[in-house]
Amino acid sequence: MLREPKNDLIHLLGILESASKVAEYAEGFSTADEFLHANHEMNYNASLTLIAVIGESIGKLSDLATEALTDLPLRRIRGMRNRIVHDYVGVDSQIVFDTITMDLWLLKARVQGFLEKQIQAGVFDPEELKVVRESHYYPRVTI
């Protein structure tokens, strides 16, 4: 898939849905250790997978999108994805928890804002937007 602005829709939606799920999975935990060990590590492992999805999606965004999101640490997000995917046992659960509890809200807010601007500018195919709005794949995303 080419890195053209019209192709950003699926990646932006994936980022928002994944980030929202991670926030849900970490809700109510006050420490990294508590989060790590909850539900036989299911919340933690699911969150790692979704963080990797976020990093992968960021790498597929168009130049227009990455330039518009320059206030986000996109290289660090991609780096975290690489660490999770290639050095799973070396992942620091405290860094993961801190990222989720302190930084995820900013990512969601900036991506949501950019997505809304792109929709208003008519960048995305109206039929594709209609399908997305009716889709069950993005229940946590409002557009």
C-alpha atoms as a PDB file:
ATOM      1  CA  MET A   1       0.000   0.000   0.000  1.00  0.00           C
ATOM      2  CA  LEU A   2       1.383   3.369  -0.985  1.00  0.00           C
ATOM      3  CA  ARG A   3       2.047   5.975   1.655  1.00  0.00           C
ATOM      4  CA  GLU A   4      -0.479   8.420   0.241  1.00  0.00           C
ATOM      5  CA  PRO A   5      -2.789  10.584   2.401  1.00  0.00           C
ATOM      6  CA  LYS A   6      -5.901   8.826   1.102  1.00  0.00           C
ATOM      7  CA  ASN A   7      -4.524   5.571   2.550  1.00  0.00           C
ATOM      8  CA  ASP A   8      -4.030   7.057   6.028  1.00  0.00           C
ATOM      9  CA  LEU A   9      -7.606   6.363   7.105  1.00  0.00           C
ATOM     10  CA  ILE A  10      -7.139   2.695   7.962  1.00  0.00           C
ATOM     11  CA  HIS A  11      -3.880   3.370   9.810  1.00  0.00           C
ATOM     12  CA  LEU A  12      -5.271   6.285  11.814  1.00  0.00           C
ATOM     13  CA  LEU A  13      -8.322   4.243  12.776  1.00  0.00           C
ATOM     14  CA  GLY A  14      -6.121   1.333  13.783  1.00  0.00           C
ATOM     15  CA  ILE A  15      -4.019   3.610  15.973  1.00  0.00           C
ATOM     16  CA  LEU A  16      -7.085   5.063  17.683  1.00  0.00           C
ATOM     17  CA  GLU A  17      -8.794   1.715  18.226  1.00  0.00           C
ATOM     18  CA  SER A  18      -5.607   0.096  19.532  1.00  0.00           C
ATOM     19  CA  ALA A  19      -4.810   3.010  21.836  1.00  0.00           C
ATOM     20  CA  SER A  20      -8.346   2.965  23.221  1.00  0.00           C
ATOM     21  CA  LYS A  21      -8.142  -0.757  23.925  1.00  0.00           C
ATOM     22  CA  VAL A  22      -4.799  -0.372  25.680  1.00  0.00           C
ATOM     23  CA  ALA A  23      -6.236   2.408  27.844  1.00  0.00           C
ATOM     24  CA  GLU A  24      -9.147   0.128  28.769  1.00  0.00           C
ATOM     25  CA  TYR A  25      -6.859  -2.791  29.592  1.00  0.00           C
ATOM     26  CA  ALA A  26      -4.734  -0.630  31.899  1.00  0.00           C
ATOM     27  CA  GLU A  27      -7.649   1.119  33.581  1.00  0.00           C
ATOM     28  CA  GLY A  28      -7.744   0.764  37.344  1.00  0.00           C
ATOM     29  CA  PHE A  29      -4.140  -0.326  37.808  1.00  0.00           C
ATOM     30  CA  SER A  30      -1.904   1.923  39.853  1.00  0.00           C
ATOM     31  CA  THR A  31       1.455   0.192  39.391  1.00  0.00           C
ATOM     32  CA  ALA A  32       3.322  -1.484  36.570  1.00  0.00           C
ATOM     33  CA  ASP A  33       3.698  -4.650  38.613  1.00  0.00           C
ATOM     34  CA  GLU A  34      -0.024  -4.836  39.281  1.00  0.00           C
ATOM     35  CA  PHE A  35      -0.736  -4.333  35.575  1.00  0.00           C
ATOM     36  CA  LEU A  36       1.896  -6.868  34.525  1.00  0.00           C
ATOM     37  CA  HIS A  37       0.534  -9.690  36.680  1.00  0.00           C
ATOM     38  CA  ALA A  38      -3.202  -9.083  36.297  1.00  0.00           C
ATOM     39  CA  ASN A  39      -5.230 -11.813  34.606  1.00  0.00           C
ATOM     40  CA  HIS A  40      -2.191 -14.061  34.157  1.00  0.00           C
ATOM     41  CA  GLU A  41      -0.515 -11.235  32.213  1.00  0.00           C
ATOM     42  CA  MET A  42      -3.288 -11.099  29.611  1.00  0.00           C
ATOM     43  CA  ASN A  43      -3.861  -7.332  29.923  1.00  0.00           C
ATOM     44  CA  TYR A  44      -0.136  -6.682  29.657  1.00  0.00           C
ATOM     45  CA  ASN A  45       0.463  -9.029  26.725  1.00  0.00           C
ATOM     46  CA  ALA A  46      -2.567  -7.733  24.835  1.00  0.00           C
ATOM     47  CA  SER A  47      -1.345  -4.178  25.417  1.00  0.00           C
ATOM     48  CA  LEU A  48       2.114  -5.007  24.088  1.00  0.00           C
ATOM     49  CA  THR A  49       0.595  -6.428  20.942  1.00  0.00           C
ATOM     50  CA  LEU A  50      -1.578  -3.346  20.454  1.00  0.00           C
ATOM     51  CA  ILE A  51       1.350  -1.000  21.081  1.00  0.00           C
ATOM     52  CA  ALA A  52       3.229  -2.913  18.377  1.00  0.00           C
ATOM     53  CA  VAL A  53       0.221  -2.432  16.061  1.00  0.00           C
ATOM     54  CA  ILE A  54       0.305   1.307  16.796  1.00  0.00           C
ATOM     55  CA  GLY A  55       4.002   1.481  15.944  1.00  0.00           C
ATOM     56  CA  GLU A  56       3.479  -0.479  12.750  1.00  0.00           C
ATOM     57  CA  SER A  57       0.601   1.767  11.682  1.00  0.00           C
ATOM     58  CA  ILE A  58       2.632   4.897  12.359  1.00  0.00           C
ATOM     59  CA  GLY A  59       5.297   3.556  10.029  1.00  0.00           C
ATOM     60  CA  LYS A  60       2.719   3.293   7.244  1.00  0.00           C
ATOM     61  CA  LEU A  61       1.371   6.849   7.500  1.00  0.00           C
ATOM     62  CA  SER A  62       1.929   9.274   4.646  1.00  0.00           C
ATOM     63  CA  ASP A  63       4.489  12.055   4.873  1.00  0.00           C
ATOM     64  CA  LEU A  64       1.602  14.501   5.229  1.00  0.00           C
ATOM     65  CA  ALA A  65       0.395  12.687   8.348  1.00  0.00           C
ATOM     66  CA  THR A  66       3.818  12.310   9.925  1.00  0.00           C
ATOM     67  CA  GLU A  67       4.553  16.001   9.301  1.00  0.00           C
ATOM     68  CA  ALA A  68       1.234  16.969  10.894  1.00  0.00           C
ATOM     69  CA  LEU A  69       2.024  14.827  13.943  1.00  0.00           C
ATOM     70  CA  THR A  70       5.572  16.078  14.506  1.00  0.00           C
ATOM     71  CA  ASP A  71       4.815  16.996  18.102  1.00  0.00           C
ATOM     72  CA  LEU A  72       4.441  13.277  18.836  1.00  0.00           C
ATOM     73  CA  PRO A  73       7.538  11.125  19.372  1.00  0.00           C
ATOM     74  CA  LEU A  74       6.844   9.011  16.297  1.00  0.00           C
ATOM     75  CA  ARG A  75      10.373   7.581  16.096  1.00  0.00           C
ATOM     76  CA  ARG A  76      10.221   6.555  19.744  1.00  0.00           C
ATOM     77  CA  ILE A  77       6.837   4.917  19.207  1.00  0.00           C
ATOM     78  CA  ARG A  78       8.283   2.953  16.280  1.00  0.00           C
ATOM     79  CA  GLY A  79      11.286   2.139  18.449  1.00  0.00           C
ATOM     80  CA  MET A  80       9.021   0.780  21.173  1.00  0.00           C
ATOM     81  CA  ARG A  81       7.294  -1.351  18.549  1.00  0.00           C
ATOM     82  CA  ASN A  82      10.649  -2.725  17.460  1.00  0.00           C
ATOM     83  CA  ARG A  83      11.661  -3.478  21.031  1.00  0.00           C
ATOM     84  CA  ILE A  84       8.404  -5.323  21.685  1.00  0.00           C
ATOM     85  CA  VAL A  85       8.575  -7.322  18.472  1.00  0.00           C
ATOM     86  CA  HIS A  86      12.287  -8.140  18.449  1.00  0.00           C
ATOM     87  CA  ASP A  87      13.264  -8.170  22.128  1.00  0.00           C
ATOM     88  CA  TYR A  88      10.111  -9.289  23.892  1.00  0.00           C
ATOM     89  CA  VAL A  89      11.821 -10.481  27.090  1.00  0.00           C
ATOM     90  CA  GLY A  90      13.822  -7.256  27.289  1.00  0.00           C
ATOM     91  CA  VAL A  91      10.753  -5.033  27.459  1.00  0.00           C
ATOM     92  CA  ASP A  92      10.613  -2.978  30.649  1.00  0.00           C
ATOM     93  CA  SER A  93       7.106  -3.227  32.123  1.00  0.00           C
ATOM     94  CA  GLN A  94       7.549   0.066  33.986  1.00  0.00           C
ATOM     95  CA  ILE A  95       8.289   1.929  30.750  1.00  0.00           C
ATOM     96  CA  VAL A  96       5.286   0.272  29.103  1.00  0.00           C
ATOM     97  CA  PHE A  97       3.018   1.198  32.011  1.00  0.00           C
ATOM     98  CA  ASP A  98       4.312   4.775  32.141  1.00  0.00           C
ATOM     99  CA  THR A  99       3.796   5.128  28.402  1.00  0.00           C
ATOM    100  CA  ILE A 100       0.240   3.871  28.685  1.00  0.00           C
ATOM    101  CA  THR A 101      -0.732   5.945  31.706  1.00  0.00           C
ATOM    102  CA  MET A 102       1.118   9.166  30.857  1.00  0.00           C
ATOM    103  CA  ASP A 103       1.504   9.405  27.086  1.00  0.00           C
ATOM    104  CA  LEU A 104      -1.284   7.476  25.400  1.00  0.00           C
ATOM    105  CA  TRP A 105      -3.899  10.207  25.868  1.00  0.00           C
ATOM    106  CA  LEU A 106      -1.786  12.667  23.858  1.00  0.00           C
ATOM    107  CA  LEU A 107      -1.363  10.207  21.000  1.00  0.00           C
ATOM    108  CA  LYS A 108      -5.101   9.588  20.905  1.00  0.00           C
ATOM    109  CA  ALA A 109      -5.968  13.291  21.020  1.00  0.00           C
ATOM    110  CA  ARG A 110      -3.517  14.307  18.287  1.00  0.00           C
ATOM    111  CA  VAL A 111      -4.416  11.439  15.966  1.00  0.00           C
ATOM    112  CA  GLN A 112      -8.140  12.053  16.484  1.00  0.00           C
ATOM    113  CA  GLY A 113      -7.690  15.759  15.716  1.00  0.00           C
ATOM    114  CA  PHE A 114      -5.685  15.060  12.578  1.00  0.00           C
ATOM    115  CA  LEU A 115      -8.216  12.468  11.415  1.00  0.00           C
ATOM    116  CA  GLU A 116     -11.085  14.910  11.872  1.00  0.00           C
ATOM    117  CA  LYS A 117      -9.233  17.604   9.895  1.00  0.00           C
ATOM    118  CA  GLN A 118      -8.571  15.181   7.072  1.00  0.00           C
ATOM    119  CA  ILE A 119     -12.221  14.152   6.984  1.00  0.00           C
ATOM    120  CA  GLN A 120     -13.326  17.795   6.897  1.00  0.00           C
ATOM    121  CA  ALA A 121     -10.852  18.466   4.086  1.00  0.00           C
ATOM    122  CA  GLY A 122     -12.404  15.650   2.051  1.00  0.00           C
ATOM    123  CA  VAL A 123      -9.202  13.628   1.850  1.00  0.00           C
ATOM    124  CA  PHE A 124     -10.902  10.267   2.301  1.00  0.00           C
ATOM    125  CA  ASP A 125     -13.398   8.529   0.029  1.00  0.00           C
ATOM    126  CA  PRO A 126     -16.952   9.193   1.330  1.00  0.00           C
ATOM    127  CA  GLU A 127     -17.977   5.586   0.650  1.00  0.00           C
ATOM    128  CA  GLU A 128     -15.018   4.298   2.633  1.00  0.00           C
ATOM    129  CA  LEU A 129     -15.937   6.610   5.499  1.00  0.00           C
ATOM    130  CA  LYS A 130     -19.492   5.309   5.415  1.00  0.00           C
ATOM    131  CA  VAL A 131     -18.267   1.720   5.619  1.00  0.00           C
ATOM    132  CA  VAL A 132     -15.946   2.589   8.492  1.00  0.00           C
ATOM    133  CA  ARG A 133     -18.694   4.330  10.443  1.00  0.00           C
ATOM    134  CA  GLU A 134     -20.885   1.234  10.115  1.00  0.00           C
ATOM    135  CA  SER A 135     -18.055  -1.195  10.845  1.00  0.00           C
ATOM    136  CA  HIS A 136     -17.800  -3.252  14.014  1.00  0.00           C
ATOM    137  CA  TYR A 137     -13.979  -3.119  13.818  1.00  0.00           C
ATOM    138  CA  TYR A 138     -13.697   0.353  15.360  1.00  0.00           C
ATOM    139  CA  PRO A 139     -16.274   0.556  18.149  1.00  0.00           C
ATOM    140  CA  ARG A 140     -14.106   2.875  20.262  1.00  0.00           C
ATOM    141  CA  VAL A 141     -13.489   5.389  17.464  1.00  0.00           C
ATOM    142  CA  THR A 142     -15.882   8.207  16.731  1.00  0.00           C
ATOM    143  CA  ILE A 143     -15.610   9.964  13.393  1.00  0.00           C
END
